[in-house]
Protein backbone atom coordinates (compact mmCIF):
# COMPACT_ATOMS: atom_id res chain seq x y z
CA TYR A 1 -18.68 -70.89 16.45
CA LEU A 2 -15.20 -70.63 17.72
CA GLY A 3 -15.83 -73.43 20.09
CA GLU A 4 -12.66 -75.37 19.25
CA ARG A 5 -10.41 -72.01 20.66
CA VAL A 6 -12.50 -71.35 23.70
CA SER A 7 -11.02 -72.36 26.86
CA GLU A 8 -12.50 -75.49 28.99
CA LYS A 9 -13.29 -72.80 31.75
CA VAL A 10 -15.33 -70.57 29.83
CA LYS A 11 -17.20 -73.56 27.99
CA THR A 12 -17.67 -74.85 31.53
CA LYS A 13 -19.40 -71.36 32.66
CA ILE A 14 -21.46 -70.95 29.51
CA ILE A 15 -22.88 -74.19 29.94
CA GLU A 16 -23.57 -73.83 33.79
CA LEU A 17 -25.21 -70.28 32.66
CA LEU A 18 -27.26 -71.43 30.60
CA TYR A 19 -28.39 -74.75 32.37
CA SER A 20 -29.20 -72.25 35.27
CA TRP A 21 -31.29 -69.53 33.25
CA THR A 22 -33.16 -72.84 31.91
CA VAL A 23 -34.19 -73.96 35.38
CA ALA A 24 -34.85 -70.17 36.46
CA LEU A 25 -36.56 -68.69 33.32
CA PRO A 26 -38.67 -71.54 32.29
CA ASP A 27 -41.35 -68.93 30.41
CA GLU A 28 -38.01 -68.39 28.00
CA SER A 29 -38.10 -70.26 25.46
CA LYS A 30 -35.28 -69.35 23.37
CA ILE A 31 -32.88 -70.14 26.00
CA LYS A 32 -34.35 -73.33 26.83
CA ASP A 33 -34.20 -74.17 22.98
CA ALA A 34 -30.33 -72.93 22.67
CA TYR A 35 -29.52 -75.45 25.79
CA TYR A 36 -31.42 -78.61 24.52
CA MET A 37 -30.18 -78.05 21.24
CA LEU A 38 -26.35 -78.11 22.80
CA LYS A 39 -27.70 -81.72 24.27
CA ARG A 40 -28.84 -82.81 20.94
CA GLN A 41 -25.36 -82.06 19.66
CA GLY A 42 -23.51 -83.62 22.04
CA ILE A 43 -21.83 -80.80 23.26
CA VAL A 44 -23.44 -80.98 26.74
CA LEU A 45 -23.51 -84.53 27.84
CA SER A 46 -25.14 -84.30 31.46
CA ASP A 47 -26.64 -81.16 33.36
CA PRO A 48 -24.25 -79.34 35.70
CA VAL A 49 -24.71 -79.46 39.04
CA ILE A 50 -25.00 -76.23 40.32
CA PRO A 51 -24.35 -74.72 44.13
CA VAL A 52 -27.07 -73.42 45.59
CA GLU A 53 -25.61 -70.34 46.73
CA LYS A 54 -25.04 -69.88 42.66
CA THR A 55 -28.54 -70.61 41.56
CA LEU A 56 -30.65 -68.10 40.03
CA ILE A 57 -33.76 -67.47 42.07
CA PRO A 58 -36.17 -66.31 39.72
CA SER A 59 -38.24 -63.08 40.35
CA PRO A 60 -41.53 -63.11 42.09
CA PRO A 61 -44.53 -62.51 39.62
CA PRO A 62 -45.31 -58.56 39.79
CA ARG A 63 -48.33 -57.96 42.50
CA PRO A 64 -51.54 -57.66 41.20
CA LYS A 65 -52.17 -54.00 40.73
CA ASN A 66 -55.29 -53.03 42.81
CA PRO A 67 -57.79 -51.61 40.21
CA VAL A 68 -59.23 -49.19 43.17
CA PHE A 69 -55.70 -47.09 43.49
CA ASP A 70 -55.81 -47.38 39.69
CA ASP A 71 -57.81 -43.75 39.42
CA GLU A 72 -55.39 -41.42 39.27
CA GLU A 73 -57.42 -38.47 40.97
CA LYS A 74 -57.88 -40.02 43.80
CA SER A 75 -54.60 -41.52 44.70
CA LYS A 76 -53.21 -37.83 44.70
CA LEU A 77 -56.30 -36.80 46.52
CA LEU A 78 -55.68 -39.18 49.17
CA ALA A 79 -51.70 -38.73 49.09
CA LYS A 80 -52.15 -34.94 49.62
CA LEU A 81 -54.82 -35.76 52.55
CA LEU A 82 -52.37 -38.10 54.34
CA LYS A 83 -49.58 -35.37 53.82
CA SER A 84 -51.88 -32.95 55.73
CA LYS A 85 -51.45 -31.83 59.34
CA ASN A 86 -55.12 -30.95 59.38
CA PRO A 87 -57.73 -33.17 61.15
CA ASP A 88 -60.07 -32.31 58.72
CA ASP A 89 -58.30 -33.61 56.43
CA LEU A 90 -57.24 -37.02 57.97
CA GLN A 91 -60.88 -37.35 58.70
CA GLU A 92 -61.78 -36.74 54.62
CA ALA A 93 -58.59 -39.26 53.94
CA ASN A 94 -60.32 -41.86 55.96
CA LYS A 95 -63.69 -41.06 54.17
CA LEU A 96 -62.12 -41.47 50.71
CA ILE A 97 -60.32 -44.71 51.55
CA LYS A 98 -63.72 -46.32 53.19
CA SER A 99 -65.24 -45.51 49.53
CA MET A 100 -62.34 -46.64 48.07
CA VAL A 101 -62.53 -50.08 49.87
CA LYS A 102 -66.39 -50.34 49.22
CA GLU A 103 -65.67 -50.03 45.58
CA ASP A 104 -63.29 -52.54 45.26
CA GLU A 105 -65.43 -54.77 47.58
CA ALA A 106 -68.38 -53.81 45.00
CA ARG A 107 -66.02 -54.97 42.36
CA ILE A 108 -64.37 -57.80 44.00
CA GLN A 109 -68.72 -59.06 44.63
CA LYS A 110 -69.52 -58.24 41.03
CA VAL A 111 -66.23 -60.76 39.41
CA THR A 112 -67.35 -63.58 41.90
CA LYS A 113 -71.28 -63.24 40.52
CA ARG A 114 -70.06 -63.25 37.11
CA MET A 115 -67.80 -66.59 37.44
CA HIS A 116 -70.67 -68.40 39.32
CA THR A 117 -72.74 -67.17 36.59
CA LEU A 118 -70.11 -68.56 33.74
CA GLU A 119 -69.68 -71.47 35.96
CA GLU A 120 -73.47 -72.61 36.09
CA VAL A 121 -74.27 -71.91 32.57
CA ASN A 122 -71.28 -73.99 31.29
CA ASN A 123 -72.35 -76.74 33.90
CA ASN A 124 -76.13 -76.41 32.94
CA VAL A 125 -75.02 -76.53 29.36
CA LYS A 126 -72.82 -79.68 29.54
CA LEU A 127 -75.58 -81.60 31.24
CA LEU A 128 -77.57 -80.91 28.78
CA ASN A 129 -75.69 -81.57 25.75
CA GLU A 130 -74.93 -84.80 27.28
CA MET A 131 -78.82 -85.70 28.16
CA LEU A 132 -79.87 -84.82 24.49
CA VAL A 133 -76.66 -87.11 23.17
CA HIS A 134 -78.05 -89.99 25.36
CA TYR A 135 -81.79 -89.22 24.81
CA SER A 136 -83.77 -92.00 23.36
CA LYS A 137 -88.07 -91.23 23.01
CA GLU A 138 -88.65 -95.33 24.06
CA ASP A 139 -85.91 -95.51 26.99
CA SER A 140 -85.62 -92.01 28.70
CA SER A 141 -87.57 -91.89 31.71
CA GLU A 142 -90.02 -89.19 32.62
CA ALA A 143 -87.82 -87.97 34.96
CA ASP A 144 -85.00 -87.80 32.55
CA LYS A 145 -87.50 -85.79 30.11
CA GLU A 146 -88.54 -83.33 33.48
CA LEU A 147 -84.91 -82.54 34.14
CA MET A 148 -83.83 -82.07 30.36
CA LYS A 149 -87.09 -79.45 30.80
CA GLU A 150 -85.86 -77.97 33.82
CA LEU A 151 -82.23 -77.24 32.37
CA TYR A 152 -83.13 -75.83 29.30
CA ASP A 153 -85.68 -73.76 31.20
CA ARG A 154 -82.44 -72.71 33.40
CA CYS A 155 -80.45 -72.40 30.42
CA GLU A 156 -83.12 -69.46 28.78
CA THR A 157 -83.28 -67.71 32.19
CA LYS A 158 -79.34 -67.55 32.17
CA ARG A 159 -79.37 -66.48 28.46
CA ARG A 160 -81.04 -62.73 29.45
CA THR A 161 -78.52 -62.97 32.43
CA LEU A 162 -75.41 -63.15 30.24
CA PHE A 163 -77.18 -60.64 27.83
CA LYS A 164 -76.94 -58.13 30.48
CA LEU A 165 -73.48 -59.29 32.09
CA ALA A 166 -72.32 -58.69 28.50
CA SER A 167 -73.85 -55.22 28.38
CA ASP A 168 -72.23 -54.87 31.64
CA THR A 169 -68.82 -55.88 30.82
CA GLU A 170 -66.64 -52.91 29.25
CA ASP A 171 -64.71 -53.84 26.24
CA ASN A 172 -61.47 -53.98 27.46
CA ASP A 173 -62.60 -56.55 30.36
CA SER A 174 -60.63 -59.85 29.42
CA SER A 175 -63.81 -61.98 30.73
CA LEU A 176 -65.88 -60.39 27.89
CA GLY A 177 -65.11 -62.95 25.65
CA ASP A 178 -65.69 -65.93 28.49
CA ILE A 179 -69.25 -63.99 28.30
CA LEU A 180 -69.79 -64.09 24.92
CA GLN A 181 -68.65 -68.01 24.65
CA ALA A 182 -70.98 -68.97 27.50
CA SER A 183 -73.91 -66.93 25.46
CA ASP A 184 -73.21 -68.72 22.06
CA ASN A 185 -72.99 -72.15 23.39
CA LEU A 186 -76.12 -71.38 25.51
CA SER A 187 -77.50 -70.90 21.37
CA ARG A 188 -76.59 -73.89 20.47
């Protein structure tokens, strides 16, 4: 608002900061919008050159939390056992760690299986739909008809698999939407 009364040094510094934030924080749309508005208005004529030592380095994304260690009771027990000098406690901590790792491996295997199932369902549905669009009673070969029948049978089998996946998935799991979407696609 007081652009006419502000020194060139301050203006330059503000433009440099806005530009560096635009580059370093690309997800912050308001900052980017403000900078590009200044460019459109002719206040900023070209992007400033910012020395590397003054460039903002975006912070790394937060590390994904391991659900195995989200269980507070187990984590507290493990911490307590590891602090102990008693060899039996350390042995118990070792067993607990092994069981937690086993749980995590089972969870990962379950997620992988779910992803493969969803991918297979989506591929089968897409292929069957494409074949049905191009189907002609006169022009389609027996092999095409057999393939469509096989795809239909696989889709029917996967419908039951998806139902089981949906019932085994917790309500707050983000993949539930993908499972339900794949199930809807099968129903069409």
